[in-house]
């Protein structure tokens, strides 16, 4: 799914995990 992100905490907490997952998919 495309993510429209209005929540800062997701990337502040887990930016490396989230962006790596997004690149992989």
PDBML (XML) file of the C-alpha atoms, coordinates in Angstrom:
<?xml version="1.0" encoding="UTF-8" ?>
<PDBx:datablock datablockName="MODEL"
   xmlns:PDBx="http://pdbml.pdb.org/schema/pdbx-v50.xsd"
   xmlns:xsi="http://www.w3.org/2001/XMLSchema-instance"
   xsi:schemaLocation="http://pdbml.pdb.org/schema/pdbx-v50.xsd pdbx-v50.xsd">
   <PDBx:atom_siteCategory>
      <PDBx:atom_site id="1">
         <PDBx:B_iso_or_equiv>0.00</PDBx:B_iso_or_equiv>
         <PDBx:Cartn_x>0.000</PDBx:Cartn_x>
         <PDBx:Cartn_y>0.000</PDBx:Cartn_y>
         <PDBx:Cartn_z>0.000</PDBx:Cartn_z>
         <PDBx:auth_asym_id>A</PDBx:auth_asym_id>
         <PDBx:auth_atom_id>CA</PDBx:auth_atom_id>
         <PDBx:auth_comp_id>UNK</PDBx:auth_comp_id>
         <PDBx:auth_seq_id>1</PDBx:auth_seq_id>
         <PDBx:group_PDB>ATOM</PDBx:group_PDB>
         <PDBx:label_alt_id xsi:nil="true" />
         <PDBx:label_asym_id>A</PDBx:label_asym_id>
         <PDBx:label_atom_id>CA</PDBx:label_atom_id>
         <PDBx:label_comp_id>UNK</PDBx:label_comp_id>
         <PDBx:label_entity_id>1</PDBx:label_entity_id>
         <PDBx:label_seq_id>1</PDBx:label_seq_id>
         <PDBx:occupancy>1.00</PDBx:occupancy>
         <PDBx:pdbx_PDB_model_num>1</PDBx:pdbx_PDB_model_num>
         <PDBx:type_symbol>C</PDBx:type_symbol>
      </PDBx:atom_site>
      <PDBx:atom_site id="2">
         <PDBx:B_iso_or_equiv>0.00</PDBx:B_iso_or_equiv>
         <PDBx:Cartn_x>1.074</PDBx:Cartn_x>
         <PDBx:Cartn_y>3.594</PDBx:Cartn_y>
         <PDBx:Cartn_z>-0.558</PDBx:Cartn_z>
         <PDBx:auth_asym_id>A</PDBx:auth_asym_id>
         <PDBx:auth_atom_id>CA</PDBx:auth_atom_id>
         <PDBx:auth_comp_id>UNK</PDBx:auth_comp_id>
         <PDBx:auth_seq_id>2</PDBx:auth_seq_id>
         <PDBx:group_PDB>ATOM</PDBx:group_PDB>
         <PDBx:label_alt_id xsi:nil="true" />
         <PDBx:label_asym_id>A</PDBx:label_asym_id>
         <PDBx:label_atom_id>CA</PDBx:label_atom_id>
         <PDBx:label_comp_id>UNK</PDBx:label_comp_id>
         <PDBx:label_entity_id>1</PDBx:label_entity_id>
         <PDBx:label_seq_id>2</PDBx:label_seq_id>
         <PDBx:occupancy>1.00</PDBx:occupancy>
         <PDBx:pdbx_PDB_model_num>1</PDBx:pdbx_PDB_model_num>
         <PDBx:type_symbol>C</PDBx:type_symbol>
      </PDBx:atom_site>
      <PDBx:atom_site id="3">
         <PDBx:B_iso_or_equiv>0.00</PDBx:B_iso_or_equiv>
         <PDBx:Cartn_x>1.582</PDBx:Cartn_x>
         <PDBx:Cartn_y>5.381</PDBx:Cartn_y>
         <PDBx:Cartn_z>2.769</PDBx:Cartn_z>
         <PDBx:auth_asym_id>A</PDBx:auth_asym_id>
         <PDBx:auth_atom_id>CA</PDBx:auth_atom_id>
         <PDBx:auth_comp_id>UNK</PDBx:auth_comp_id>
         <PDBx:auth_seq_id>3</PDBx:auth_seq_id>
         <PDBx:group_PDB>ATOM</PDBx:group_PDB>
         <PDBx:label_alt_id xsi:nil="true" />
         <PDBx:label_asym_id>A</PDBx:label_asym_id>
         <PDBx:label_atom_id>CA</PDBx:label_atom_id>
         <PDBx:label_comp_id>UNK</PDBx:label_comp_id>
         <PDBx:label_entity_id>1</PDBx:label_entity_id>
         <PDBx:label_seq_id>3</PDBx:label_seq_id>
         <PDBx:occupancy>1.00</PDBx:occupancy>
         <PDBx:pdbx_PDB_model_num>1</PDBx:pdbx_PDB_model_num>
         <PDBx:type_symbol>C</PDBx:type_symbol>
      </PDBx:atom_site>
      <PDBx:atom_site id="4">
         <PDBx:B_iso_or_equiv>0.00</PDBx:B_iso_or_equiv>
         <PDBx:Cartn_x>0.339</PDBx:Cartn_x>
         <PDBx:Cartn_y>8.946</PDBx:Cartn_y>
         <PDBx:Cartn_z>3.231</PDBx:Cartn_z>
         <PDBx:auth_asym_id>A</PDBx:auth_asym_id>
         <PDBx:auth_atom_id>CA</PDBx:auth_atom_id>
         <PDBx:auth_comp_id>UNK</PDBx:auth_comp_id>
         <PDBx:auth_seq_id>4</PDBx:auth_seq_id>
         <PDBx:group_PDB>ATOM</PDBx:group_PDB>
         <PDBx:label_alt_id xsi:nil="true" />
         <PDBx:label_asym_id>A</PDBx:label_asym_id>
         <PDBx:label_atom_id>CA</PDBx:label_atom_id>
         <PDBx:label_comp_id>UNK</PDBx:label_comp_id>
         <PDBx:label_entity_id>1</PDBx:label_entity_id>
         <PDBx:label_seq_id>4</PDBx:label_seq_id>
         <PDBx:occupancy>1.00</PDBx:occupancy>
         <PDBx:pdbx_PDB_model_num>1</PDBx:pdbx_PDB_model_num>
         <PDBx:type_symbol>C</PDBx:type_symbol>
      </PDBx:atom_site>
      <PDBx:atom_site id="5">
         <PDBx:B_iso_or_equiv>0.00</PDBx:B_iso_or_equiv>
         <PDBx:Cartn_x>2.168</PDBx:Cartn_x>
         <PDBx:Cartn_y>9.773</PDBx:Cartn_y>
         <PDBx:Cartn_z>6.445</PDBx:Cartn_z>
         <PDBx:auth_asym_id>A</PDBx:auth_asym_id>
         <PDBx:auth_atom_id>CA</PDBx:auth_atom_id>
         <PDBx:auth_comp_id>UNK</PDBx:auth_comp_id>
         <PDBx:auth_seq_id>5</PDBx:auth_seq_id>
         <PDBx:group_PDB>ATOM</PDBx:group_PDB>
         <PDBx:label_alt_id xsi:nil="true" />
         <PDBx:label_asym_id>A</PDBx:label_asym_id>
         <PDBx:label_atom_id>CA</PDBx:label_atom_id>
         <PDBx:label_comp_id>UNK</PDBx:label_comp_id>
         <PDBx:label_entity_id>1</PDBx:label_entity_id>
         <PDBx:label_seq_id>5</PDBx:label_seq_id>
         <PDBx:occupancy>1.00</PDBx:occupancy>
         <PDBx:pdbx_PDB_model_num>1</PDBx:pdbx_PDB_model_num>
         <PDBx:type_symbol>C</PDBx:type_symbol>
      </PDBx:atom_site>
      <PDBx:atom_site id="6">
         <PDBx:B_iso_or_equiv>0.00</PDBx:B_iso_or_equiv>
         <PDBx:Cartn_x>0.825</PDBx:Cartn_x>
         <PDBx:Cartn_y>12.446</PDBx:Cartn_y>
         <PDBx:Cartn_z>8.773</PDBx:Cartn_z>
         <PDBx:auth_asym_id>A</PDBx:auth_asym_id>
         <PDBx:auth_atom_id>CA</PDBx:auth_atom_id>
         <PDBx:auth_comp_id>UNK</PDBx:auth_comp_id>
         <PDBx:auth_seq_id>6</PDBx:auth_seq_id>
         <PDBx:group_PDB>ATOM</PDBx:group_PDB>
         <PDBx:label_alt_id xsi:nil="true" />
         <PDBx:label_asym_id>A</PDBx:label_asym_id>
         <PDBx:label_atom_id>CA</PDBx:label_atom_id>
         <PDBx:label_comp_id>UNK</PDBx:label_comp_id>
         <PDBx:label_entity_id>1</PDBx:label_entity_id>
         <PDBx:label_seq_id>6</PDBx:label_seq_id>
         <PDBx:occupancy>1.00</PDBx:occupancy>
         <PDBx:pdbx_PDB_model_num>1</PDBx:pdbx_PDB_model_num>
         <PDBx:type_symbol>C</PDBx:type_symbol>
      </PDBx:atom_site>
      <PDBx:atom_site id="7">
         <PDBx:B_iso_or_equiv>0.00</PDBx:B_iso_or_equiv>
         <PDBx:Cartn_x>2.403</PDBx:Cartn_x>
         <PDBx:Cartn_y>10.925</PDBx:Cartn_y>
         <PDBx:Cartn_z>11.871</PDBx:Cartn_z>
         <PDBx:auth_asym_id>A</PDBx:auth_asym_id>
         <PDBx:auth_atom_id>CA</PDBx:auth_atom_id>
         <PDBx:auth_comp_id>UNK</PDBx:auth_comp_id>
         <PDBx:auth_seq_id>7</PDBx:auth_seq_id>
         <PDBx:group_PDB>ATOM</PDBx:group_PDB>
         <PDBx:label_alt_id xsi:nil="true" />
         <PDBx:label_asym_id>A</PDBx:label_asym_id>
         <PDBx:label_atom_id>CA</PDBx:label_atom_id>
         <PDBx:label_comp_id>UNK</PDBx:label_comp_id>
         <PDBx:label_entity_id>1</PDBx:label_entity_id>
         <PDBx:label_seq_id>7</PDBx:label_seq_id>
         <PDBx:occupancy>1.00</PDBx:occupancy>
         <PDBx:pdbx_PDB_model_num>1</PDBx:pdbx_PDB_model_num>
         <PDBx:type_symbol>C</PDBx:type_symbol>
      </PDBx:atom_site>
      <PDBx:atom_site id="8">
         <PDBx:B_iso_or_equiv>0.00</PDBx:B_iso_or_equiv>
         <PDBx:Cartn_x>5.920</PDBx:Cartn_x>
         <PDBx:Cartn_y>12.013</PDBx:Cartn_y>
         <PDBx:Cartn_z>12.836</PDBx:Cartn_z>
         <PDBx:auth_asym_id>A</PDBx:auth_asym_id>
         <PDBx:auth_atom_id>CA</PDBx:auth_atom_id>
         <PDBx:auth_comp_id>UNK</PDBx:auth_comp_id>
         <PDBx:auth_seq_id>8</PDBx:auth_seq_id>
         <PDBx:group_PDB>ATOM</PDBx:group_PDB>
         <PDBx:label_alt_id xsi:nil="true" />
         <PDBx:label_asym_id>A</PDBx:label_asym_id>
         <PDBx:label_atom_id>CA</PDBx:label_atom_id>
         <PDBx:label_comp_id>UNK</PDBx:label_comp_id>
         <PDBx:label_entity_id>1</PDBx:label_entity_id>
         <PDBx:label_seq_id>8</PDBx:label_seq_id>
         <PDBx:occupancy>1.00</PDBx:occupancy>
         <PDBx:pdbx_PDB_model_num>1</PDBx:pdbx_PDB_model_num>
         <PDBx:type_symbol>C</PDBx:type_symbol>
      </PDBx:atom_site>
      <PDBx:atom_site id="9">
         <PDBx:B_iso_or_equiv>0.00</PDBx:B_iso_or_equiv>
         <PDBx:Cartn_x>6.481</PDBx:Cartn_x>
         <PDBx:Cartn_y>9.376</PDBx:Cartn_y>
         <PDBx:Cartn_z>15.494</PDBx:Cartn_z>
         <PDBx:auth_asym_id>A</PDBx:auth_asym_id>
         <PDBx:auth_atom_id>CA</PDBx:auth_atom_id>
         <PDBx:auth_comp_id>UNK</PDBx:auth_comp_id>
         <PDBx:auth_seq_id>9</PDBx:auth_seq_id>
         <PDBx:group_PDB>ATOM</PDBx:group_PDB>
         <PDBx:label_alt_id xsi:nil="true" />
         <PDBx:label_asym_id>A</PDBx:label_asym_id>
         <PDBx:label_atom_id>CA</PDBx:label_atom_id>
         <PDBx:label_comp_id>UNK</PDBx:label_comp_id>
         <PDBx:label_entity_id>1</PDBx:label_entity_id>
         <PDBx:label_seq_id>9</PDBx:label_seq_id>
         <PDBx:occupancy>1.00</PDBx:occupancy>
         <PDBx:pdbx_PDB_model_num>1</PDBx:pdbx_PDB_model_num>
         <PDBx:type_symbol>C</PDBx:type_symbol>
      </PDBx:atom_site>
      <PDBx:atom_site id="10">
         <PDBx:B_iso_or_equiv>0.00</PDBx:B_iso_or_equiv>
         <PDBx:Cartn_x>6.503</PDBx:Cartn_x>
         <PDBx:Cartn_y>6.484</PDBx:Cartn_y>
         <PDBx:Cartn_z>13.007</PDBx:Cartn_z>
         <PDBx:auth_asym_id>A</PDBx:auth_asym_id>
         <PDBx:auth_atom_id>CA</PDBx:auth_atom_id>
         <PDBx:auth_comp_id>UNK</PDBx:auth_comp_id>
         <PDBx:auth_seq_id>10</PDBx:auth_seq_id>
         <PDBx:group_PDB>ATOM</PDBx:group_PDB>
         <PDBx:label_alt_id xsi:nil="true" />
         <PDBx:label_asym_id>A</PDBx:label_asym_id>
         <PDBx:label_atom_id>CA</PDBx:label_atom_id>
         <PDBx:label_comp_id>UNK</PDBx:label_comp_id>
         <PDBx:label_entity_id>1</PDBx:label_entity_id>
         <PDBx:label_seq_id>10</PDBx:label_seq_id>
         <PDBx:occupancy>1.00</PDBx:occupancy>
         <PDBx:pdbx_PDB_model_num>1</PDBx:pdbx_PDB_model_num>
         <PDBx:type_symbol>C</PDBx:type_symbol>
      </PDBx:atom_site>
      <PDBx:atom_site id="11">
         <PDBx:B_iso_or_equiv>0.00</PDBx:B_iso_or_equiv>
         <PDBx:Cartn_x>9.715</PDBx:Cartn_x>
         <PDBx:Cartn_y>7.717</PDBx:Cartn_y>
         <PDBx:Cartn_z>11.372</PDBx:Cartn_z>
         <PDBx:auth_asym_id>A</PDBx:auth_asym_id>
         <PDBx:auth_atom_id>CA</PDBx:auth_atom_id>
         <PDBx:auth_comp_id>UNK</PDBx:auth_comp_id>
         <PDBx:auth_seq_id>11</PDBx:auth_seq_id>
         <PDBx:group_PDB>ATOM</PDBx:group_PDB>
         <PDBx:label_alt_id xsi:nil="true" />
         <PDBx:label_asym_id>A</PDBx:label_asym_id>
         <PDBx:label_atom_id>CA</PDBx:label_atom_id>
         <PDBx:label_comp_id>UNK</PDBx:label_comp_id>
         <PDBx:label_entity_id>1</PDBx:label_entity_id>
         <PDBx:label_seq_id>11</PDBx:label_seq_id>
         <PDBx:occupancy>1.00</PDBx:occupancy>
         <PDBx:pdbx_PDB_model_num>1</PDBx:pdbx_PDB_model_num>
         <PDBx:type_symbol>C</PDBx:type_symbol>
      </PDBx:atom_site>
      <PDBx:atom_site id="12">
         <PDBx:B_iso_or_equiv>0.00</PDBx:B_iso_or_equiv>
         <PDBx:Cartn_x>11.198</PDBx:Cartn_x>
         <PDBx:Cartn_y>9.212</PDBx:Cartn_y>
         <PDBx:Cartn_z>14.536</PDBx:Cartn_z>
         <PDBx:auth_asym_id>A</PDBx:auth_asym_id>
         <PDBx:auth_atom_id>CA</PDBx:auth_atom_id>
         <PDBx:auth_comp_id>UNK</PDBx:auth_comp_id>
         <PDBx:auth_seq_id>12</PDBx:auth_seq_id>
         <PDBx:group_PDB>ATOM</PDBx:group_PDB>
         <PDBx:label_alt_id xsi:nil="true" />
         <PDBx:label_asym_id>A</PDBx:label_asym_id>
         <PDBx:label_atom_id>CA</PDBx:label_atom_id>
         <PDBx:label_comp_id>UNK</PDBx:label_comp_id>
         <PDBx:label_entity_id>1</PDBx:label_entity_id>
         <PDBx:label_seq_id>12</PDBx:label_seq_id>
         <PDBx:occupancy>1.00</PDBx:occupancy>
         <PDBx:pdbx_PDB_model_num>1</PDBx:pdbx_PDB_model_num>
         <PDBx:type_symbol>C</PDBx:type_symbol>
      </PDBx:atom_site>
      <PDBx:atom_site id="13">
         <PDBx:B_iso_or_equiv>0.00</PDBx:B_iso_or_equiv>
         <PDBx:Cartn_x>10.947</PDBx:Cartn_x>
         <PDBx:Cartn_y>5.822</PDBx:Cartn_y>
         <PDBx:Cartn_z>16.240</PDBx:Cartn_z>
         <PDBx:auth_asym_id>A</PDBx:auth_asym_id>
         <PDBx:auth_atom_id>CA</PDBx:auth_atom_id>
         <PDBx:auth_comp_id>UNK</PDBx:auth_comp_id>
         <PDBx:auth_seq_id>13</PDBx:auth_seq_id>
         <PDBx:group_PDB>ATOM</PDBx:group_PDB>
         <PDBx:label_alt_id xsi:nil="true" />
         <PDBx:label_asym_id>A</PDBx:label_asym_id>
         <PDBx:label_atom_id>CA</PDBx:label_atom_id>
         <PDBx:label_comp_id>UNK</PDBx:label_comp_id>
         <PDBx:label_entity_id>1</PDBx:label_entity_id>
         <PDBx:label_seq_id>13</PDBx:label_seq_id>
         <PDBx:occupancy>1.00</PDBx:occupancy>
         <PDBx:pdbx_PDB_model_num>1</PDBx:pdbx_PDB_model_num>
         <PDBx:type_symbol>C</PDBx:type_symbol>
      </PDBx:atom_site>
      <PDBx:atom_site id="14">
         <PDBx:B_iso_or_equiv>0.00</PDBx:B_iso_or_equiv>
         <PDBx:Cartn_x>11.551</PDBx:Cartn_x>
         <PDBx:Cartn_y>3.451</PDBx:Cartn_y>
         <PDBx:Cartn_z>13.361</PDBx:Cartn_z>
         <PDBx:auth_asym_id>A</PDBx:auth_asym_id>
         <PDBx:auth_atom_id>CA</PDBx:auth_atom_id>
         <PDBx:auth_comp_id>UNK</PDBx:auth_comp_id>
         <PDBx:auth_seq_id>14</PDBx:auth_seq_id>
         <PDBx:group_PDB>ATOM</PDBx:group_PDB>
         <PDBx:label_alt_id xsi:nil="true" />
         <PDBx:label_asym_id>A</PDBx:label_asym_id>
         <PDBx:label_atom_id>CA</PDBx:label_atom_id>
         <PDBx:label_comp_id>UNK</PDBx:label_comp_id>
         <PDBx:label_entity_id>1</PDBx:label_entity_id>
         <PDBx:label_seq_id>14</PDBx:label_seq_id>
         <PDBx:occupancy>1.00</PDBx:occupancy>
         <PDBx:pdbx_PDB_model_num>1</PDBx:pdbx_PDB_model_num>
         <PDBx:type_symbol>C</PDBx:type_symbol>
      </PDBx:atom_site>
      <PDBx:atom_site id="15">
         <PDBx:B_iso_or_equiv>0.00</PDBx:B_iso_or_equiv>
         <PDBx:Cartn_x>12.730</PDBx:Cartn_x>
         <PDBx:Cartn_y>5.453</PDBx:Cartn_y>
         <PDBx:Cartn_z>10.361</PDBx:Cartn_z>
         <PDBx:auth_asym_id>A</PDBx:auth_asym_id>
         <PDBx:auth_atom_id>CA</PDBx:auth_atom_id>
         <PDBx:auth_comp_id>UNK</PDBx:auth_comp_id>
         <PDBx:auth_seq_id>15</PDBx:auth_seq_id>
         <PDBx:group_PDB>ATOM</PDBx:group_PDB>
         <PDBx:label_alt_id xsi:nil="true" />
         <PDBx:label_asym_id>A</PDBx:label_asym_id>
         <PDBx:label_atom_id>CA</PDBx:label_atom_id>
         <PDBx:label_comp_id>UNK</PDBx:label_comp_id>
         <PDBx:label_entity_id>1</PDBx:label_entity_id>
         <PDBx:label_seq_id>15</PDBx:label_seq_id>
         <PDBx:occupancy>1.00</PDBx:occupancy>
         <PDBx:pdbx_PDB_model_num>1</PDBx:pdbx_PDB_model_num>
         <PDBx:type_symbol>C</PDBx:type_symbol>
      </PDBx:atom_site>
      <PDBx:atom_site id="16">
         <PDBx:B_iso_or_equiv>0.00</PDBx:B_iso_or_equiv>
         <PDBx:Cartn_x>15.390</PDBx:Cartn_x>
         <PDBx:Cartn_y>2.921</PDBx:Cartn_y>
         <PDBx:Cartn_z>9.372</PDBx:Cartn_z>
         <PDBx:auth_asym_id>A</PDBx:auth_asym_id>
         <PDBx:auth_atom_id>CA</PDBx:auth_atom_id>
         <PDBx:auth_comp_id>UNK</PDBx:auth_comp_id>
         <PDBx:auth_seq_id>16</PDBx:auth_seq_id>
         <PDBx:group_PDB>ATOM</PDBx:group_PDB>
         <PDBx:label_alt_id xsi:nil="true" />
         <PDBx:label_asym_id>A</PDBx:label_asym_id>
         <PDBx:label_atom_id>CA</PDBx:label_atom_id>
         <PDBx:label_comp_id>UNK</PDBx:label_comp_id>
         <PDBx:label_entity_id>1</PDBx:label_entity_id>
         <PDBx:label_seq_id>16</PDBx:label_seq_id>
         <PDBx:occupancy>1.00</PDBx:occupancy>
         <PDBx:pdbx_PDB_model_num>1</PDBx:pdbx_PDB_model_num>
         <PDBx:type_symbol>C</PDBx:type_symbol>
      </PDBx:atom_site>
      <PDBx:atom_site id="17">
         <PDBx:B_iso_or_equiv>0.00</PDBx:B_iso_or_equiv>
         <PDBx:Cartn_x>12.955</PDBx:Cartn_x>
         <PDBx:Cartn_y>-0.008</PDBx:Cartn_y>
         <PDBx:Cartn_z>9.487</PDBx:Cartn_z>
         <PDBx:auth_asym_id>A</PDBx:auth_asym_id>
         <PDBx:auth_atom_id>CA</PDBx:auth_atom_id>
         <PDBx:auth_comp_id>UNK</PDBx:auth_comp_id>
         <PDBx:auth_seq_id>17</PDBx:auth_seq_id>
         <PDBx:group_PDB>ATOM</PDBx:group_PDB>
         <PDBx:label_alt_id xsi:nil="true" />
         <PDBx:label_asym_id>A</PDBx:label_asym_id>
         <PDBx:label_atom_id>CA</PDBx:label_atom_id>
         <PDBx:label_comp_id>UNK</PDBx:label_comp_id>
         <PDBx:label_entity_id>1</PDBx:label_entity_id>
         <PDBx:label_seq_id>17</PDBx:label_seq_id>
         <PDBx:occupancy>1.00</PDBx:occupancy>
         <PDBx:pdbx_PDB_model_num>1</PDBx:pdbx_PDB_model_num>
         <PDBx:type_symbol>C</PDBx:type_symbol>
      </PDBx:atom_site>
      <PDBx:atom_site id="18">
         <PDBx:B_iso_or_equiv>0.00</PDBx:B_iso_or_equiv>
         <PDBx:Cartn_x>10.108</PDBx:Cartn_x>
         <PDBx:Cartn_y>1.796</PDBx:Cartn_y>
         <PDBx:Cartn_z>7.729</PDBx:Cartn_z>
         <PDBx:auth_asym_id>A</PDBx:auth_asym_id>
         <PDBx:auth_atom_id>CA</PDBx:auth_atom_id>
         <PDBx:auth_comp_id>UNK</PDBx:auth_comp_id>
         <PDBx:auth_seq_id>18</PDBx:auth_seq_id>
         <PDBx:group_PDB>ATOM</PDBx:group_PDB>
         <PDBx:label_alt_id xsi:nil="true" />
         <PDBx:label_asym_id>A</PDBx:label_asym_id>
         <PDBx:label_atom_id>CA</PDBx:label_atom_id>
         <PDBx:label_comp_id>UNK</PDBx:label_comp_id>
         <PDBx:label_entity_id>1</PDBx:label_entity_id>
         <PDBx:label_seq_id>18</PDBx:label_seq_id>
         <PDBx:occupancy>1.00</PDBx:occupancy>
         <PDBx:pdbx_PDB_model_num>1</PDBx:pdbx_PDB_model_num>
         <PDBx:type_symbol>C</PDBx:type_symbol>
      </PDBx:atom_site>
      <PDBx:atom_site id="19">
         <PDBx:B_iso_or_equiv>0.00</PDBx:B_iso_or_equiv>
         <PDBx:Cartn_x>12.131</PDBx:Cartn_x>
         <PDBx:Cartn_y>3.284</PDBx:Cartn_y>
         <PDBx:Cartn_z>4.891</PDBx:Cartn_z>
         <PDBx:auth_asym_id>A</PDBx:auth_asym_id>
         <PDBx:auth_atom_id>CA</PDBx:auth_atom_id>
         <PDBx:auth_comp_id>UNK</PDBx:auth_comp_id>
         <PDBx:auth_seq_id>19</PDBx:auth_seq_id>
         <PDBx:group_PDB>ATOM</PDBx:group_PDB>
         <PDBx:label_alt_id xsi:nil="true" />
         <PDBx:label_asym_id>A</PDBx:label_asym_id>
         <PDBx:label_atom_id>CA</PDBx:label_atom_id>
         <PDBx:label_comp_id>UNK</PDBx:label_comp_id>
         <PDBx:label_entity_id>1</PDBx:label_entity_id>
         <PDBx:label_seq_id>19</PDBx:label_seq_id>
         <PDBx:occupancy>1.00</PDBx:occupancy>
         <PDBx:pdbx_PDB_model_num>1</PDBx:pdbx_PDB_model_num>
         <PDBx:type_symbol>C</PDBx:type_symbol>
      </PDBx:atom_site>
      <PDBx:atom_site id="20">
         <PDBx:B_iso_or_equiv>0.00</PDBx:B_iso_or_equiv>
         <PDBx:Cartn_x>14.077</PDBx:Cartn_x>
         <PDBx:Cartn_y>0.067</PDBx:Cartn_y>
         <PDBx:Cartn_z>4.314</PDBx:Cartn_z>
         <PDBx:auth_asym_id>A</PDBx:auth_asym_id>
         <PDBx:auth_atom_id>CA</PDBx:auth_atom_id>
         <PDBx:auth_comp_id>UNK</PDBx:auth_comp_id>
         <PDBx:auth_seq_id>20</PDBx:auth_seq_id>
         <PDBx:group_PDB>ATOM</PDBx:group_PDB>
         <PDBx:label_alt_id xsi:nil="true" />
         <PDBx:label_asym_id>A</PDBx:label_asym_id>
         <PDBx:label_atom_id>CA</PDBx:label_atom_id>
         <PDBx:label_comp_id>UNK</PDBx:label_comp_id>
         <PDBx:label_entity_id>1</PDBx:label_entity_id>
         <PDBx:label_seq_id>20</PDBx:label_seq_id>
         <PDBx:occupancy>1.00</PDBx:occupancy>
         <PDBx:pdbx_PDB_model_num>1</PDBx:pdbx_PDB_model_num>
         <PDBx:type_symbol>C</PDBx:type_symbol>
      </PDBx:atom_site>
      <PDBx:atom_site id="21">
         <PDBx:B_iso_or_equiv>0.00</PDBx:B_iso_or_equiv>
         <PDBx:Cartn_x>10.790</PDBx:Cartn_x>
         <PDBx:Cartn_y>-1.828</PDBx:Cartn_y>
         <PDBx:Cartn_z>4.070</PDBx:Cartn_z>
         <PDBx:auth_asym_id>A</PDBx:auth_asym_id>
         <PDBx:auth_atom_id>CA</PDBx:auth_atom_id>
         <PDBx:auth_comp_id>UNK</PDBx:auth_comp_id>
         <PDBx:auth_seq_id>21</PDBx:auth_seq_id>
         <PDBx:group_PDB>ATOM</PDBx:group_PDB>
         <PDBx:label_alt_id xsi:nil="true" />
         <PDBx:label_asym_id>A</PDBx:label_asym_id>
         <PDBx:label_atom_id>CA</PDBx:label_atom_id>
         <PDBx:label_comp_id>UNK</PDBx:label_comp_id>
         <PDBx:label_entity_id>1</PDBx:label_entity_id>
         <PDBx:label_seq_id>21</PDBx:label_seq_id>
         <PDBx:occupancy>1.00</PDBx:occupancy>
         <PDBx:pdbx_PDB_model_num>1</PDBx:pdbx_PDB_model_num>
         <PDBx:type_symbol>C</PDBx:type_symbol>
      </PDBx:atom_site>
      <PDBx:atom_site id="22">
         <PDBx:B_iso_or_equiv>0.00</PDBx:B_iso_or_equiv>
         <PDBx:Cartn_x>9.366</PDBx:Cartn_x>
         <PDBx:Cartn_y>0.764</PDBx:Cartn_y>
         <PDBx:Cartn_z>1.672</PDBx:Cartn_z>
         <PDBx:auth_asym_id>A</PDBx:auth_asym_id>
         <PDBx:auth_atom_id>CA</PDBx:auth_atom_id>
         <PDBx:auth_comp_id>UNK</PDBx:auth_comp_id>
         <PDBx:auth_seq_id>22</PDBx:auth_seq_id>
         <PDBx:group_PDB>ATOM</PDBx:group_PDB>
         <PDBx:label_alt_id xsi:nil="true" />
         <PDBx:label_asym_id>A</PDBx:label_asym_id>
         <PDBx:label_atom_id>CA</PDBx:label_atom_id>
         <PDBx:label_comp_id>UNK</PDBx:label_comp_id>
         <PDBx:label_entity_id>1</PDBx:label_entity_id>
         <PDBx:label_seq_id>22</PDBx:label_seq_id>
         <PDBx:occupancy>1.00</PDBx:occupancy>
         <PDBx:pdbx_PDB_model_num>1</PDBx:pdbx_PDB_model_num>
         <PDBx:type_symbol>C</PDBx:type_symbol>
      </PDBx:atom_site>
      <PDBx:atom_site id="23">
         <PDBx:B_iso_or_equiv>0.00</PDBx:B_iso_or_equiv>
         <PDBx:Cartn_x>12.426</PDBx:Cartn_x>
         <PDBx:Cartn_y>0.537</PDBx:Cartn_y>
         <PDBx:Cartn_z>-0.585</PDBx:Cartn_z>
         <PDBx:auth_asym_id>A</PDBx:auth_asym_id>
         <PDBx:auth_atom_id>CA</PDBx:auth_atom_id>
         <PDBx:auth_comp_id>UNK</PDBx:auth_comp_id>
         <PDBx:auth_seq_id>23</PDBx:auth_seq_id>
         <PDBx:group_PDB>ATOM</PDBx:group_PDB>
         <PDBx:label_alt_id xsi:nil="true" />
         <PDBx:label_asym_id>A</PDBx:label_asym_id>
         <PDBx:label_atom_id>CA</PDBx:label_atom_id>
         <PDBx:label_comp_id>UNK</PDBx:label_comp_id>
         <PDBx:label_entity_id>1</PDBx:label_entity_id>
         <PDBx:label_seq_id>23</PDBx:label_seq_id>
         <PDBx:occupancy>1.00</PDBx:occupancy>
         <PDBx:pdbx_PDB_model_num>1</PDBx:pdbx_PDB_model_num>
         <PDBx:type_symbol>C</PDBx:type_symbol>
      </PDBx:atom_site>
      <PDBx:atom_site id="24">
         <PDBx:B_iso_or_equiv>0.00</PDBx:B_iso_or_equiv>
         <PDBx:Cartn_x>12.331</PDBx:Cartn_x>
         <PDBx:Cartn_y>-3.270</PDBx:Cartn_y>
         <PDBx:Cartn_z>-0.558</PDBx:Cartn_z>
         <PDBx:auth_asym_id>A</PDBx:auth_asym_id>
         <PDBx:auth_atom_id>CA</PDBx:auth_atom_id>
         <PDBx:auth_comp_id>UNK</PDBx:auth_comp_id>
         <PDBx:auth_seq_id>24</PDBx:auth_seq_id>
         <PDBx:group_PDB>ATOM</PDBx:group_PDB>
         <PDBx:label_alt_id xsi:nil="true" />
         <PDBx:label_asym_id>A</PDBx:label_asym_id>
         <PDBx:label_atom_id>CA</PDBx:label_atom_id>
         <PDBx:label_comp_id>UNK</PDBx:label_comp_id>
         <PDBx:label_entity_id>1</PDBx:label_entity_id>
         <PDBx:label_seq_id>24</PDBx:label_seq_id>
         <PDBx:occupancy>1.00</PDBx:occupancy>
         <PDBx:pdbx_PDB_model_num>1</PDBx:pdbx_PDB_model_num>
         <PDBx:type_symbol>C</PDBx:type_symbol>
      </PDBx:atom_site>
      <PDBx:atom_site id="25">
         <PDBx:B_iso_or_equiv>0.00</PDBx:B_iso_or_equiv>
         <PDBx:Cartn_x>8.650</PDBx:Cartn_x>
         <PDBx:Cartn_y>-3.337</PDBx:Cartn_y>
         <PDBx:Cartn_z>-1.568</PDBx:Cartn_z>
         <PDBx:auth_asym_id>A</PDBx:auth_asym_id>
         <PDBx:auth_atom_id>CA</PDBx:auth_atom_id>
         <PDBx:auth_comp_id>UNK</PDBx:auth_comp_id>
         <PDBx:auth_seq_id>25</PDBx:auth_seq_id>
         <PDBx:group_PDB>ATOM</PDBx:group_PDB>
         <PDBx:label_alt_id xsi:nil="true" />
         <PDBx:label_asym_id>A</PDBx:label_asym_id>
         <PDBx:label_atom_id>CA</PDBx:label_atom_id>
         <PDBx:label_comp_id>UNK</PDBx:label_comp_id>
         <PDBx:label_entity_id>1</PDBx:label_entity_id>
         <PDBx:label_seq_id>25</PDBx:label_seq_id>
         <PDBx:occupancy>1.00</PDBx:occupancy>
         <PDBx:pdbx_PDB_model_num>1</PDBx:pdbx_PDB_model_num>
         <PDBx:type_symbol>C</PDBx:type_symbol>
      </PDBx:atom_site>
   </PDBx:atom_siteCategory>
</PDBx:datablock>
